[in-house]
Amino acid sequence: MGKLIDYFGEFERGTHTCKACGWSGLGAAMDSGEAFGDGVDKHCPRCGERWGYAQYSVVVADDAPEDWPAKIERVPD
């Protein structure tokens, strides 16, 4: 596994430049690679260079409703 990057954190909203090909853009514009139960690999959309592992951020309260997985959505900026 590569370096851990927070999927809903500053990485997604920040601008990044690929050292391999020079592509520059938002982390949210990067391609998603292999997905796992708790996250996904992120890759440069131009050359495919692997940037790291983006872990999904989910917080569940002790008294969460039974249908909580159906209510997961992106955290607002």
C-alpha atoms as a PDB file:
ATOM      1  CA  MET A   1       0.000   0.000   0.000  1.00  0.00           C
ATOM      2  CA  GLY A   2       1.258   3.492  -0.807  1.00  0.00           C
ATOM      3  CA  LYS A   3       0.911   6.620   1.247  1.00  0.00           C
ATOM      4  CA  LEU A   4      -2.465   7.270   2.858  1.00  0.00           C
ATOM      5  CA  ILE A   5      -4.403  10.280   1.583  1.00  0.00           C
ATOM      6  CA  ASP A   6      -7.671  11.428   3.146  1.00  0.00           C
ATOM      7  CA  TYR A   7     -10.396  11.095   0.502  1.00  0.00           C
ATOM      8  CA  PHE A   8     -12.657  13.786   1.964  1.00  0.00           C
ATOM      9  CA  GLY A   9      -9.863  16.013   3.216  1.00  0.00           C
ATOM     10  CA  GLU A  10      -7.609  18.671   1.783  1.00  0.00           C
ATOM     11  CA  PHE A  11      -6.175  16.298  -0.852  1.00  0.00           C
ATOM     12  CA  GLU A  12      -9.434  16.197  -2.813  1.00  0.00           C
ATOM     13  CA  ARG A  13      -9.870  19.987  -2.717  1.00  0.00           C
ATOM     14  CA  GLY A  14      -6.205  20.822  -3.243  1.00  0.00           C
ATOM     15  CA  THR A  15      -4.268  21.261  -6.478  1.00  0.00           C
ATOM     16  CA  HIS A  16      -1.530  18.700  -7.152  1.00  0.00           C
ATOM     17  CA  THR A  17       1.135  18.305  -9.825  1.00  0.00           C
ATOM     18  CA  CYS A  18       2.249  14.889 -11.060  1.00  0.00           C
ATOM     19  CA  LYS A  19       6.030  14.509 -10.881  1.00  0.00           C
ATOM     20  CA  ALA A  20       5.943  11.902 -13.659  1.00  0.00           C
ATOM     21  CA  CYS A  21       4.141  13.856 -16.416  1.00  0.00           C
ATOM     22  CA  GLY A  22       3.475  17.404 -15.173  1.00  0.00           C
ATOM     23  CA  TRP A  23      -0.332  17.128 -15.034  1.00  0.00           C
ATOM     24  CA  SER A  24      -1.822  19.596 -12.564  1.00  0.00           C
ATOM     25  CA  GLY A  25      -5.320  19.621 -11.120  1.00  0.00           C
ATOM     26  CA  LEU A  26      -7.564  18.897  -8.177  1.00  0.00           C
ATOM     27  CA  GLY A  27      -7.242  15.665  -6.244  1.00  0.00           C
ATOM     28  CA  ALA A  28     -10.935  15.110  -6.989  1.00  0.00           C
ATOM     29  CA  ALA A  29     -10.064  14.954 -10.713  1.00  0.00           C
ATOM     30  CA  MET A  30      -7.676  12.041 -10.225  1.00  0.00           C
ATOM     31  CA  ASP A  31      -8.662   8.588 -11.430  1.00  0.00           C
ATOM     32  CA  SER A  32      -9.679   5.901  -8.973  1.00  0.00           C
ATOM     33  CA  GLY A  33      -7.879   2.592  -9.197  1.00  0.00           C
ATOM     34  CA  GLU A  34      -8.430  -0.595  -7.231  1.00  0.00           C
ATOM     35  CA  ALA A  35     -11.140  -0.215  -4.590  1.00  0.00           C
ATOM     36  CA  PHE A  36     -11.039  -1.843  -1.179  1.00  0.00           C
ATOM     37  CA  GLY A  37     -13.628  -2.020   1.609  1.00  0.00           C
ATOM     38  CA  ASP A  38     -12.435   1.186   3.237  1.00  0.00           C
ATOM     39  CA  GLY A  39     -10.948   3.158   0.346  1.00  0.00           C
ATOM     40  CA  VAL A  40      -9.486   3.349  -3.142  1.00  0.00           C
ATOM     41  CA  ASP A  41      -6.156   3.916  -4.932  1.00  0.00           C
ATOM     42  CA  LYS A  42      -5.848   7.310  -6.673  1.00  0.00           C
ATOM     43  CA  HIS A  43      -3.902   7.767  -9.941  1.00  0.00           C
ATOM     44  CA  CYS A  44      -2.860  10.638 -12.224  1.00  0.00           C
ATOM     45  CA  PRO A  45      -5.528  11.029 -14.933  1.00  0.00           C
ATOM     46  CA  ARG A  46      -2.919  11.708 -17.621  1.00  0.00           C
ATOM     47  CA  CYS A  47      -0.183   9.108 -17.099  1.00  0.00           C
ATOM     48  CA  GLY A  48      -1.628   6.729 -14.493  1.00  0.00           C
ATOM     49  CA  GLU A  49       1.084   7.357 -11.858  1.00  0.00           C
ATOM     50  CA  ARG A  50      -0.160   5.990  -8.521  1.00  0.00           C
ATOM     51  CA  TRP A  51      -0.453   8.715  -5.865  1.00  0.00           C
ATOM     52  CA  GLY A  52      -1.611   6.740  -2.875  1.00  0.00           C
ATOM     53  CA  TYR A  53      -4.499   5.192  -1.020  1.00  0.00           C
ATOM     54  CA  ALA A  54      -7.569   7.304  -0.248  1.00  0.00           C
ATOM     55  CA  GLN A  55      -9.416   6.081   2.814  1.00  0.00           C
ATOM     56  CA  TYR A  56     -13.130   6.805   2.978  1.00  0.00           C
ATOM     57  CA  SER A  57     -14.253   8.815   5.995  1.00  0.00           C
ATOM     58  CA  VAL A  58     -17.352   7.425   7.685  1.00  0.00           C
ATOM     59  CA  VAL A  59     -18.420   8.115  11.233  1.00  0.00           C
ATOM     60  CA  VAL A  60     -21.290   6.125  12.730  1.00  0.00           C
ATOM     61  CA  ALA A  61     -22.891   7.052  16.028  1.00  0.00           C
ATOM     62  CA  ASP A  62     -23.675   4.388  18.636  1.00  0.00           C
ATOM     63  CA  ASP A  63     -27.401   5.004  18.162  1.00  0.00           C
ATOM     64  CA  ALA A  64     -27.364   5.138  14.335  1.00  0.00           C
ATOM     65  CA  PRO A  65     -30.529   4.040  12.490  1.00  0.00           C
ATOM     66  CA  GLU A  66     -30.434   0.563  10.936  1.00  0.00           C
ATOM     67  CA  ASP A  67     -30.496   2.011   7.406  1.00  0.00           C
ATOM     68  CA  TRP A  68     -27.450   4.314   7.963  1.00  0.00           C
ATOM     69  CA  PRO A  69     -25.433   2.866   5.000  1.00  0.00           C
ATOM     70  CA  ALA A  70     -28.131   4.131   2.612  1.00  0.00           C
ATOM     71  CA  LYS A  71     -27.666   7.658   3.958  1.00  0.00           C
ATOM     72  CA  ILE A  72     -23.925   8.015   3.328  1.00  0.00           C
ATOM     73  CA  GLU A  73     -23.095  11.028   1.178  1.00  0.00           C
ATOM     74  CA  ARG A  74     -20.134  13.257   0.384  1.00  0.00           C
ATOM     75  CA  VAL A  75     -19.123  15.681   3.109  1.00  0.00           C
ATOM     76  CA  PRO A  76     -19.897  19.250   1.972  1.00  0.00           C
ATOM     77  CA  ASP A  77     -16.935  21.548   1.276  1.00  0.00           C
END
